[in-house]
Amino acid sequence: MMGQLWAFVVGWNIILLFLIAIACTARAWRYAFESLIGDRISQKLEETVPLHAPYFLATDADFFALGLVLLLAVLLALGVPESAWVYRVFTGINLLVLSFIIVSGFINGDLHNWKLTEQDYALATAVFSYSLGPPGAGGFVPFDFEGVVQGAATCFYAFVGFAAIAARESGDLKPQRSISLISLLMCFLAYFAVSAVLTLMVPYYQIRHHSPLPEAFLHVGWGPARCVVAVGVLCALTSSLLGDMFPMSRLIRAMAEDGLLFRGLARVYGHTKIPVVAIMSSGSLAGIMALLFEFSHIANLMAVASLLAYSMVSFSVLVLRYQPGQNLSKSEKTEEETEMELVPVGSPLDSVPEAGTSNILKSLWFPTSTTPTRKSGQIVYGCAFLLVLLLSILSLVLAQWPRRVFSGDPVLTTVAVLLLLLITGVTAIIWRQPQSPRPLMFRVPALPVLPLVSIFVNLYLMMQMTSGAWILFGIWNAIGFAIYFGYGVRHSLEENNEPPASTSQTPD
């Protein structure tokens, strides 16, 4: 049941990730469209439907974004966007416009924008009538390392596309082919290049947050190119919306088939096999989020959800590699388990607690078997949970008081060093435990270090998020736990041997 709970938490937060991505993209679509026609929509919405609500809600109700999400949900439910040529056309346009942005951006770039000073900011304040961004300290990294980390935490969604692979129904996915390192590298290079040309074309404090790329070309005097870029951005955002809505509906359907979510969400219609209920319900929820929530807060919430989900994946990789096979028969018992069975009840070993404690301590560093056992698996479980706790405390200390830690503050530096020593010791215990010899299609290398580094980086980035994002994240997970313990536990396939809900279809 514990494994089922963690699977639900990961799936529930990936659903949140998709919902927020759709809401953010819908609002970004409106901003890109406004770059073509002016800020007429924003002005009209602020005049007619202002929201006087808590700070994490938007200043206006974005009915434009709501309508866009619902329209695409209806088209997806009808099966219109499922044709492969639609995605090919959008992808082709995206690549052409992206190439144009990068090449023309470097042509119009100015290296002085990476060497700005406080005097440049003061001059810009006197010249421009609109409000500028924060000045920072100038130079290539105006907001120091803390600013870089906060930006990286918020923009982590750049690498969340692999959730779509996990949401696919195909059972013959090959990780060597599906999880392509080349695609990950291309994603990094694209974001790196666009960030570089944007900050070369426009001083960082003059970047318009809502539509930065079209406004950047207007800033350098390429007015016609602004329209080309805006159209390309609209195509990219449209394909992103479709690319998020489709796997989200499949993920919801998969969880509903397992009984973790309401079974009605798994219903498919006709020969198209389209989960219409999942599409329309999730699309409506994403549209409501786009309608009400402020762009920056839901972006931070998306970062928290994605970082937590991938941290749990790293935790699972760390733990499962050291677990014994589930089909271990009696004839395959390890030497350690056989010896434990040979010890009679009431023997001297049974009456001396120190002997059992000594065996446990000895097995931490000198396991008695070369293959995983139940005891070694439990040791890894306990050590992994302890490491998550220690890494969380270390991440909090480094995120809240970085300067004091590295400047030699006696208390904080001592705490950080002690935490590092404990983390190293517990990691060494896991390293000494036997790993599963089962051949896998894809094996994460460098265990246990690599998953722990991943968890630490994710936790450190999560500590950069705002309190509003954590509040919304807590509310979302509270709703999820209520659904799981109120419905999922009683209806899951792990507890009840029932056929998947999708076996019942609604005819055309």
Protein backbone atom coordinates (compact mmCIF):
# COMPACT_ATOMS: atom_id res chain seq x y z
CA MET A 1 0.00 0.00 0.00
CA MET A 2 2.92 2.36 0.66
CA GLY A 3 4.15 1.90 -2.90
CA GLN A 4 0.66 2.67 -4.17
CA LEU A 5 0.53 5.84 -2.06
CA TRP A 6 3.83 7.13 -3.44
CA ALA A 7 2.68 6.32 -6.97
CA PHE A 8 -0.49 8.32 -6.36
CA VAL A 9 1.48 11.29 -4.98
CA VAL A 10 3.75 11.33 -8.03
CA GLY A 11 0.85 11.00 -10.45
CA TRP A 12 -1.24 13.60 -8.62
CA ASN A 13 1.58 16.14 -8.73
CA ILE A 14 2.33 15.44 -12.39
CA ILE A 15 -1.35 16.19 -13.06
CA LEU A 16 -0.86 19.46 -11.20
CA LEU A 17 2.20 20.09 -13.33
CA PHE A 18 0.20 19.66 -16.52
CA LEU A 19 -2.68 21.81 -15.23
CA ILE A 20 -0.38 24.68 -14.33
CA ALA A 21 1.55 24.37 -17.59
CA ILE A 22 -1.72 24.68 -19.51
CA ALA A 23 -2.87 27.65 -17.40
CA CYS A 24 0.46 29.45 -17.79
CA THR A 25 0.60 28.74 -21.51
CA ALA A 26 -2.95 30.01 -22.03
CA ARG A 27 -2.13 33.29 -20.29
CA ALA A 28 1.12 33.54 -22.26
CA TRP A 29 -0.89 32.96 -25.46
CA ARG A 30 -3.02 35.99 -24.62
CA TYR A 31 0.05 38.13 -23.96
CA ALA A 32 1.64 37.06 -27.27
CA PHE A 33 -1.61 37.82 -29.10
CA GLU A 34 -1.75 41.23 -27.45
CA SER A 35 1.72 42.01 -28.78
CA LEU A 36 0.09 42.02 -32.23
CA ILE A 37 -2.97 44.13 -31.39
CA GLY A 38 -1.80 46.19 -28.41
CA ASP A 39 -2.86 45.77 -24.79
CA ARG A 40 -6.56 46.09 -25.56
CA ILE A 41 -7.60 42.78 -23.98
CA SER A 42 -5.77 43.47 -20.71
CA GLN A 43 -7.20 46.96 -20.45
CA LYS A 44 -10.72 45.70 -21.14
CA LEU A 45 -10.45 42.88 -18.60
CA GLU A 46 -9.07 45.17 -15.88
CA GLU A 47 -11.95 47.59 -16.47
CA THR A 48 -14.77 45.04 -16.60
CA VAL A 49 -13.77 42.10 -14.36
CA PRO A 50 -11.15 43.23 -11.83
CA LEU A 51 -10.39 40.82 -8.99
CA HIS A 52 -9.99 42.36 -5.54
CA ALA A 53 -8.72 39.15 -3.97
CA PRO A 54 -5.67 37.72 -2.14
CA TYR A 55 -2.29 38.41 -3.68
CA PHE A 56 -1.88 35.02 -5.35
CA LEU A 57 -4.95 35.68 -7.54
CA ALA A 58 -4.73 37.69 -10.75
CA THR A 59 -5.65 41.36 -10.98
CA ASP A 60 -8.29 40.48 -13.58
CA ALA A 61 -10.31 37.43 -14.57
CA ASP A 62 -8.79 36.15 -17.81
CA PHE A 63 -11.84 34.90 -19.70
CA PHE A 64 -9.79 34.91 -22.90
CA ALA A 65 -7.45 32.23 -21.51
CA LEU A 66 -10.43 30.26 -20.15
CA GLY A 67 -12.13 30.26 -23.55
CA LEU A 68 -8.92 29.22 -25.30
CA VAL A 69 -8.39 26.22 -23.02
CA LEU A 70 -12.00 25.07 -23.32
CA LEU A 71 -11.91 25.43 -27.11
CA LEU A 72 -8.79 23.28 -27.40
CA ALA A 73 -10.26 20.75 -24.96
CA VAL A 74 -13.35 20.40 -27.16
CA LEU A 75 -11.20 20.01 -30.29
CA LEU A 76 -9.07 17.40 -28.53
CA ALA A 77 -12.17 15.52 -27.34
CA LEU A 78 -13.48 15.47 -30.92
CA GLY A 79 -10.20 14.00 -32.12
CA VAL A 80 -9.23 16.93 -34.36
CA PRO A 81 -5.67 17.56 -33.13
CA GLU A 82 -4.68 13.91 -32.94
CA SER A 83 -3.52 13.89 -36.57
CA ALA A 84 0.23 13.75 -36.70
CA TRP A 85 0.46 16.37 -39.41
CA VAL A 86 -0.89 19.05 -37.05
CA TYR A 87 2.05 18.57 -34.71
CA ARG A 88 4.48 18.36 -37.62
CA VAL A 89 3.28 21.70 -39.00
CA PHE A 90 3.53 23.40 -35.61
CA THR A 91 6.93 21.86 -34.95
CA GLY A 92 8.22 23.02 -38.32
CA ILE A 93 7.02 26.57 -37.69
CA ASN A 94 8.54 26.49 -34.20
CA LEU A 95 11.94 25.44 -35.52
CA LEU A 96 11.93 28.07 -38.27
CA VAL A 97 10.95 30.90 -35.93
CA LEU A 98 13.37 29.70 -33.24
CA SER A 99 16.22 29.69 -35.75
CA PHE A 100 15.22 33.17 -36.91
CA ILE A 101 15.15 34.47 -33.32
CA ILE A 102 18.58 33.06 -32.48
CA VAL A 103 20.35 34.19 -35.66
CA SER A 104 18.78 37.66 -35.86
CA GLY A 105 19.13 38.08 -32.11
CA PHE A 106 22.88 37.54 -32.21
CA ILE A 107 23.10 39.92 -35.18
CA ASN A 108 21.32 42.67 -33.23
CA GLY A 109 22.91 41.85 -29.87
CA ASP A 110 25.09 44.25 -27.95
CA LEU A 111 27.71 42.91 -25.53
CA HIS A 112 27.38 46.10 -23.50
CA ASN A 113 24.08 44.72 -22.18
CA TRP A 114 26.13 42.12 -20.29
CA LYS A 115 28.26 44.87 -18.72
CA LEU A 116 25.62 47.29 -17.49
CA THR A 117 26.24 49.46 -14.43
CA GLU A 118 24.07 51.30 -11.95
CA GLN A 119 24.67 54.50 -13.94
CA ASP A 120 23.10 52.87 -17.01
CA TYR A 121 20.05 52.00 -14.94
CA ALA A 122 19.73 55.55 -13.62
CA LEU A 123 19.95 56.91 -17.17
CA ALA A 124 17.28 54.48 -18.39
CA THR A 125 15.00 55.51 -15.53
CA ALA A 126 15.22 59.14 -16.66
CA VAL A 127 14.61 58.31 -20.34
CA PHE A 128 11.80 55.74 -20.29
CA SER A 129 8.33 56.48 -18.96
CA TYR A 130 7.33 52.89 -18.12
CA SER A 131 8.50 51.18 -14.96
CA LEU A 132 11.72 49.20 -15.20
CA GLY A 133 12.68 45.96 -13.54
CA PRO A 134 14.86 45.78 -10.43
CA PRO A 135 18.38 47.18 -10.97
CA GLY A 136 20.43 44.46 -9.33
CA ALA A 137 24.18 44.95 -9.21
CA GLY A 138 24.76 45.17 -12.96
CA GLY A 139 27.27 43.13 -14.92
CA PHE A 140 26.85 39.64 -16.33
CA VAL A 141 25.17 38.25 -13.18
CA PRO A 142 23.27 41.25 -11.79
CA PHE A 143 21.41 39.29 -9.11
CA ASP A 144 24.33 37.12 -7.93
CA PHE A 145 24.20 33.37 -7.48
CA GLU A 146 20.93 33.56 -5.51
CA GLY A 147 19.20 35.13 -8.49
CA VAL A 148 20.55 32.46 -10.81
CA VAL A 149 19.26 29.70 -8.52
CA GLN A 150 15.83 31.31 -8.16
CA GLY A 151 15.56 31.65 -11.91
CA ALA A 152 16.64 28.05 -12.43
CA ALA A 153 14.03 26.85 -9.94
CA THR A 154 11.24 28.77 -11.67
CA CYS A 155 12.32 27.70 -15.17
CA PHE A 156 12.71 24.02 -14.33
CA TYR A 157 9.61 23.36 -16.41
CA ALA A 158 11.87 23.54 -19.47
CA PHE A 159 12.82 19.91 -18.85
CA VAL A 160 9.50 18.36 -17.83
CA GLY A 161 8.60 16.83 -21.19
CA PHE A 162 9.56 13.31 -20.08
CA ALA A 163 6.31 13.13 -18.09
CA ALA A 164 4.54 12.79 -21.44
CA ILE A 165 6.57 9.64 -22.13
CA ALA A 166 5.48 8.12 -18.81
CA ALA A 167 1.85 8.95 -19.62
CA ARG A 168 1.88 6.93 -22.85
CA GLU A 169 -0.05 3.68 -22.88
CA SER A 170 2.37 1.75 -25.06
CA GLY A 171 3.92 -1.13 -23.17
CA ASP A 172 6.92 -1.49 -25.47
CA LEU A 173 8.62 1.82 -24.72
CA LYS A 174 12.38 1.45 -24.80
CA PRO A 175 14.14 3.90 -22.47
CA GLN A 176 17.26 3.84 -24.64
CA ARG A 177 15.17 5.25 -27.48
CA SER A 178 12.44 7.22 -25.68
CA ILE A 179 14.62 9.05 -23.14
CA SER A 180 16.96 10.66 -25.63
CA LEU A 181 19.91 12.55 -24.24
CA ILE A 182 20.18 14.37 -27.57
CA SER A 183 16.68 15.83 -27.15
CA LEU A 184 17.60 16.94 -23.64
CA LEU A 185 20.75 18.59 -24.99
CA MET A 186 18.78 20.32 -27.76
CA CYS A 187 16.30 21.62 -25.19
CA PHE A 188 19.13 23.07 -23.12
CA LEU A 189 20.80 24.67 -26.15
CA ALA A 190 17.52 26.23 -27.31
CA TYR A 191 16.80 27.82 -23.92
CA PHE A 192 20.42 28.85 -23.54
CA ALA A 193 20.51 30.52 -26.96
CA VAL A 194 17.18 32.33 -26.56
CA SER A 195 18.15 33.59 -23.08
CA ALA A 196 21.48 34.80 -24.46
CA VAL A 197 20.02 36.69 -27.43
CA LEU A 198 17.23 38.19 -25.32
CA THR A 199 19.63 39.67 -22.76
CA LEU A 200 21.98 40.81 -25.55
CA MET A 201 19.18 42.61 -27.40
CA VAL A 202 17.54 44.25 -24.38
CA PRO A 203 18.98 45.38 -21.03
CA TYR A 204 17.77 42.95 -18.38
CA TYR A 205 15.78 45.62 -16.53
CA GLN A 206 13.85 46.57 -19.71
CA ILE A 207 12.66 43.07 -20.62
CA ARG A 208 8.85 42.99 -20.79
CA HIS A 209 7.79 39.94 -18.82
CA HIS A 210 4.54 39.24 -20.64
CA SER A 211 5.86 39.21 -24.25
CA PRO A 212 9.65 39.47 -24.11
CA LEU A 213 10.64 38.18 -27.56
CA PRO A 214 8.32 40.31 -29.76
CA GLU A 215 9.10 43.40 -27.66
CA ALA A 216 12.83 42.70 -27.96
CA PHE A 217 12.69 43.00 -31.75
CA LEU A 218 10.67 46.20 -31.42
CA HIS A 219 13.38 47.51 -29.07
CA VAL A 220 16.13 47.01 -31.69
CA GLY A 221 14.05 48.59 -34.46
CA TRP A 222 12.95 45.43 -36.26
CA GLY A 223 9.21 46.20 -36.21
CA PRO A 224 8.13 43.75 -38.98
CA ALA A 225 10.11 40.95 -37.34
CA ARG A 226 8.06 41.52 -34.20
CA CYS A 227 4.95 40.23 -35.99
CA VAL A 228 6.80 37.20 -37.36
CA VAL A 229 8.10 36.31 -33.92
CA ALA A 230 4.68 36.83 -32.32
CA VAL A 231 3.04 34.47 -34.82
CA GLY A 232 5.77 31.91 -34.21
CA VAL A 233 5.30 32.22 -30.46
CA LEU A 234 1.55 31.69 -30.88
CA CYS A 235 2.18 28.52 -32.89
CA ALA A 236 4.65 27.28 -30.28
CA LEU A 237 2.25 27.98 -27.42
CA THR A 238 -0.64 26.31 -29.26
CA SER A 239 1.37 23.14 -29.84
CA SER A 240 2.48 23.28 -26.21
CA LEU A 241 -1.14 23.48 -25.06
CA LEU A 242 -2.11 20.46 -27.14
CA GLY A 243 1.04 18.63 -26.10
CA ASP A 244 0.17 19.11 -22.42
CA MET A 245 -3.56 18.40 -22.60
CA PHE A 246 -3.27 15.08 -24.41
CA PRO A 247 -0.82 13.27 -22.05
CA MET A 248 -2.57 14.79 -19.02
CA SER A 249 -5.85 13.17 -20.05
CA ARG A 250 -4.08 9.85 -20.61
CA LEU A 251 -2.44 10.03 -17.18
CA ILE A 252 -5.79 10.77 -15.52
CA ARG A 253 -7.34 7.88 -17.41
CA ALA A 254 -4.55 5.50 -16.33
CA MET A 255 -4.95 6.47 -12.66
CA ALA A 256 -8.74 6.14 -12.94
CA GLU A 257 -8.40 2.68 -14.49
CA ASP A 258 -6.33 1.66 -11.47
CA GLY A 259 -9.05 3.00 -9.19
CA LEU A 260 -6.88 5.74 -7.70
CA LEU A 261 -9.16 8.39 -9.20
CA PHE A 262 -12.88 8.23 -9.93
CA ARG A 263 -13.61 5.43 -12.41
CA GLY A 264 -15.81 7.65 -14.58
CA LEU A 265 -12.70 9.56 -15.65
CA ALA A 266 -11.43 6.42 -17.42
CA ARG A 267 -14.41 6.10 -19.77
CA VAL A 268 -13.51 6.19 -23.46
CA TYR A 269 -15.88 6.85 -26.33
CA GLY A 270 -16.26 4.88 -29.54
CA HIS A 271 -13.53 3.62 -31.80
CA THR A 272 -11.42 6.73 -31.17
CA LYS A 273 -10.58 5.54 -27.63
CA ILE A 274 -10.56 9.19 -26.53
CA PRO A 275 -11.07 9.77 -22.75
CA VAL A 276 -13.57 12.59 -23.22
CA VAL A 277 -14.52 12.87 -19.54
CA ALA A 278 -10.87 13.16 -18.49
CA ILE A 279 -10.17 15.72 -21.22
CA MET A 280 -13.13 17.97 -20.45
CA SER A 281 -12.84 17.79 -16.65
CA SER A 282 -9.10 18.48 -16.62
CA GLY A 283 -9.46 21.13 -19.32
CA SER A 284 -12.15 22.90 -17.29
CA LEU A 285 -9.96 22.86 -14.18
CA ALA A 286 -6.96 24.19 -16.12
CA GLY A 287 -9.17 26.91 -17.61
CA ILE A 288 -10.35 27.98 -14.16
CA MET A 289 -6.74 28.22 -12.99
CA ALA A 290 -5.90 30.35 -16.05
CA LEU A 291 -8.93 32.49 -15.28
CA LEU A 292 -8.14 33.27 -11.65
CA PHE A 293 -4.48 32.83 -10.73
CA GLU A 294 -1.57 35.19 -11.20
CA PHE A 295 0.96 34.03 -13.79
CA SER A 296 4.03 34.26 -11.53
CA HIS A 297 2.48 32.32 -8.63
CA ILE A 298 1.24 29.42 -10.73
CA ALA A 299 4.66 29.30 -12.44
CA ASN A 300 6.29 28.90 -9.01
CA LEU A 301 3.68 26.29 -8.10
CA MET A 302 4.52 24.39 -11.28
CA ALA A 303 8.19 24.39 -10.30
CA VAL A 304 7.42 22.98 -6.84
CA ALA A 305 5.23 20.22 -8.26
CA SER A 306 7.74 19.17 -10.91
CA LEU A 307 10.70 19.24 -8.53
CA LEU A 308 8.86 17.13 -5.95
CA ALA A 309 7.68 14.61 -8.54
CA TYR A 310 11.17 14.11 -9.94
CA SER A 311 12.65 13.95 -6.45
CA MET A 312 10.33 11.05 -5.69
CA VAL A 313 11.40 9.37 -8.92
CA SER A 314 15.04 9.69 -7.83
CA PHE A 315 14.10 8.30 -4.41
CA SER A 316 12.41 5.33 -6.06
CA VAL A 317 15.45 4.65 -8.23
CA LEU A 318 17.66 4.74 -5.14
CA VAL A 319 15.49 2.38 -3.09
CA LEU A 320 14.28 -0.13 -5.66
CA ARG A 321 17.75 -1.02 -6.92
CA TYR A 322 18.54 -2.49 -3.48
CA GLN A 323 15.31 -4.48 -2.98
CA PRO A 324 15.02 -8.28 -3.33
CA GLY A 325 12.94 -9.76 -6.14
CA GLN A 326 9.25 -10.14 -5.37
CA ASN A 327 9.13 -13.69 -6.71
CA LEU A 328 11.80 -15.00 -4.38
CA SER A 329 10.90 -18.64 -3.72
CA LYS A 330 11.72 -20.69 -0.68
CA SER A 331 14.48 -22.47 -2.55
CA GLU A 332 16.08 -19.09 -3.33
CA LYS A 333 16.41 -17.94 0.25
CA THR A 334 19.65 -16.29 1.07
CA GLU A 335 22.19 -17.66 3.48
CA GLU A 336 21.32 -14.92 5.97
CA GLU A 337 17.60 -15.82 6.04
CA THR A 338 18.36 -19.55 6.28
CA GLU A 339 20.63 -19.00 9.26
CA MET A 340 17.94 -16.96 11.00
CA GLU A 341 15.45 -19.83 10.56
CA LEU A 342 17.94 -22.36 12.04
CA VAL A 343 18.17 -20.42 15.33
CA PRO A 344 15.71 -22.17 17.72
CA VAL A 345 13.35 -20.22 19.88
CA GLY A 346 14.66 -19.90 23.43
CA SER A 347 18.29 -20.27 22.38
CA PRO A 348 20.97 -18.15 24.05
CA LEU A 349 20.99 -15.86 21.02
CA ASP A 350 17.29 -15.25 21.51
CA SER A 351 17.79 -14.24 25.12
CA VAL A 352 20.62 -11.80 24.50
CA PRO A 353 19.35 -8.61 22.83
CA GLU A 354 22.90 -7.41 22.34
CA ALA A 355 23.54 -10.24 19.86
CA GLY A 356 20.71 -9.10 17.60
CA THR A 357 21.83 -5.50 17.83
CA SER A 358 25.39 -6.53 17.04
CA ASN A 359 24.24 -8.45 13.95
CA ILE A 360 22.25 -5.47 12.71
CA LEU A 361 25.17 -3.08 13.18
CA LYS A 362 27.48 -5.55 11.47
CA SER A 363 25.12 -5.92 8.50
CA LEU A 364 25.18 -2.15 7.97
CA TRP A 365 28.76 -2.36 6.72
CA PHE A 366 29.30 -6.09 6.08
CA PRO A 367 26.15 -7.57 4.48
CA THR A 368 26.08 -11.36 4.60
CA SER A 369 24.74 -11.81 1.07
CA THR A 370 25.84 -10.64 -2.37
CA THR A 371 22.21 -10.25 -3.47
CA PRO A 372 19.52 -8.08 -1.85
CA THR A 373 17.64 -9.54 1.11
CA ARG A 374 14.65 -8.36 3.06
CA LYS A 375 16.94 -7.00 5.77
CA SER A 376 19.25 -5.14 3.36
CA GLY A 377 16.21 -3.69 1.60
CA GLN A 378 14.85 -2.40 4.91
CA ILE A 379 18.23 -0.89 5.74
CA VAL A 380 18.25 1.00 2.45
CA TYR A 381 14.68 2.19 3.01
CA GLY A 382 15.53 3.56 6.45
CA CYS A 383 18.77 5.17 5.29
CA ALA A 384 17.04 6.73 2.28
CA PHE A 385 14.35 8.35 4.42
CA LEU A 386 17.02 9.61 6.83
CA LEU A 387 18.99 11.06 3.91
CA VAL A 388 15.94 12.92 2.60
CA LEU A 389 15.48 14.47 6.05
CA LEU A 390 19.16 15.46 6.32
CA LEU A 391 19.24 16.83 2.77
CA SER A 392 16.08 18.86 3.42
CA ILE A 393 17.64 20.47 6.50
CA LEU A 394 20.88 21.17 4.62
CA SER A 395 18.98 22.67 1.67
CA LEU A 396 16.99 24.90 4.02
CA VAL A 397 20.14 26.14 5.75
CA LEU A 398 21.93 26.86 2.47
CA ALA A 399 18.87 28.54 0.94
CA GLN A 400 18.08 30.80 3.90
CA TRP A 401 21.56 31.75 5.12
CA PRO A 402 24.03 31.12 2.27
CA ARG A 403 26.32 34.06 2.98
CA ARG A 404 26.57 33.29 6.70
CA VAL A 405 27.39 29.63 6.01
CA PHE A 406 30.19 30.37 3.55
CA SER A 407 31.52 33.35 5.49
CA GLY A 408 32.32 31.10 8.45
CA ASP A 409 29.45 31.73 10.87
CA PRO A 410 30.37 29.39 13.78
CA VAL A 411 26.88 27.99 14.33
CA LEU A 412 25.61 27.63 10.77
CA THR A 413 28.93 26.43 9.36
CA THR A 414 29.18 23.79 12.10
CA VAL A 415 25.62 22.64 11.40
CA ALA A 416 26.34 22.40 7.66
CA VAL A 417 29.55 20.42 8.21
CA LEU A 418 27.86 18.01 10.63
CA LEU A 419 25.03 17.47 8.17
CA LEU A 420 27.53 16.74 5.39
CA LEU A 421 29.34 14.21 7.58
CA LEU A 422 26.09 12.45 8.49
CA ILE A 423 24.99 12.42 4.85
CA THR A 424 28.33 10.94 3.80
CA GLY A 425 28.13 8.22 6.45
CA VAL A 426 24.57 7.19 5.64
CA THR A 427 25.36 7.21 1.91
CA ALA A 428 28.29 4.88 2.56
CA ILE A 429 25.97 2.45 4.36
CA ILE A 430 23.69 2.32 1.32
CA TRP A 431 26.71 1.89 -0.95
CA ARG A 432 27.77 -1.20 1.02
CA GLN A 433 24.41 -2.95 0.50
CA PRO A 434 24.03 -5.44 -2.39
CA GLN A 435 22.29 -4.28 -5.55
CA SER A 436 19.78 -6.27 -7.55
CA PRO A 437 21.49 -8.28 -10.32
CA ARG A 438 18.36 -8.29 -12.49
CA PRO A 439 19.08 -7.17 -16.08
CA LEU A 440 17.18 -3.97 -16.87
CA MET A 441 16.59 -2.17 -20.15
CA PHE A 442 17.89 1.00 -18.56
CA ARG A 443 19.99 1.29 -15.40
CA VAL A 444 20.77 4.62 -13.78
CA PRO A 445 24.54 4.71 -13.21
CA ALA A 446 26.55 5.81 -10.16
CA LEU A 447 24.19 4.64 -7.42
CA PRO A 448 23.69 5.77 -4.72
CA VAL A 449 25.41 9.11 -5.41
CA LEU A 450 23.60 10.25 -8.56
CA PRO A 451 20.00 9.95 -7.22
CA LEU A 452 21.06 11.68 -3.98
CA VAL A 453 22.65 14.56 -5.89
CA SER A 454 19.43 14.87 -7.90
CA ILE A 455 17.31 14.92 -4.73
CA PHE A 456 19.58 17.52 -3.09
CA VAL A 457 19.52 19.86 -6.10
CA ASN A 458 15.74 19.53 -6.38
CA LEU A 459 15.24 20.22 -2.67
CA TYR A 460 17.57 23.22 -2.81
CA LEU A 461 15.63 24.65 -5.76
CA MET A 462 12.32 24.00 -3.99
CA MET A 463 13.51 26.09 -1.04
CA GLN A 464 13.68 29.10 -3.39
CA MET A 465 9.92 29.14 -3.95
CA THR A 466 7.54 31.73 -2.48
CA SER A 467 5.25 31.07 0.46
CA GLY A 468 2.21 31.54 -1.78
CA ALA A 469 3.35 28.69 -4.02
CA TRP A 470 3.81 26.41 -0.99
CA ILE A 471 0.34 27.29 0.32
CA LEU A 472 -1.29 26.42 -3.02
CA PHE A 473 0.81 23.27 -3.22
CA GLY A 474 -0.35 22.20 0.24
CA ILE A 475 -3.99 22.79 -0.68
CA TRP A 476 -3.64 20.72 -3.86
CA ASN A 477 -2.05 17.78 -2.04
CA ALA A 478 -4.62 17.97 0.77
CA ILE A 479 -7.33 17.53 -1.88
CA GLY A 480 -5.35 14.65 -3.36
CA PHE A 481 -4.97 12.84 -0.04
CA ALA A 482 -8.69 13.28 0.63
CA ILE A 483 -9.46 11.62 -2.72
CA TYR A 484 -6.94 8.84 -2.15
CA PHE A 485 -7.96 7.89 1.39
CA GLY A 486 -11.66 8.53 0.77
CA TYR A 487 -11.91 6.74 -2.58
CA GLY A 488 -8.65 5.38 -3.99
CA VAL A 489 -7.78 3.02 -1.13
CA ARG A 490 -11.13 1.24 -1.40
CA HIS A 491 -11.33 1.10 -5.19
CA SER A 492 -7.74 0.57 -6.32
CA LEU A 493 -6.87 -2.50 -8.37
CA GLU A 494 -4.14 -3.36 -5.88
CA GLU A 495 -6.81 -3.89 -3.23
CA ASN A 496 -9.56 -5.26 -5.51
CA ASN A 497 -8.89 -7.54 -8.47
CA GLU A 498 -11.19 -5.70 -10.89
CA PRO A 499 -10.77 -5.18 -14.64
CA PRO A 500 -9.74 -1.73 -15.85
CA ALA A 501 -12.54 0.78 -16.07
CA SER A 502 -11.86 1.50 -19.74
CA THR A 503 -13.21 -1.92 -20.76
CA SER A 504 -16.67 -0.34 -20.77
CA GLN A 505 -16.96 2.01 -23.71
CA THR A 506 -19.65 4.37 -24.82
CA PRO A 507 -20.64 3.72 -28.44
CA ASP A 508 -20.63 6.39 -31.12
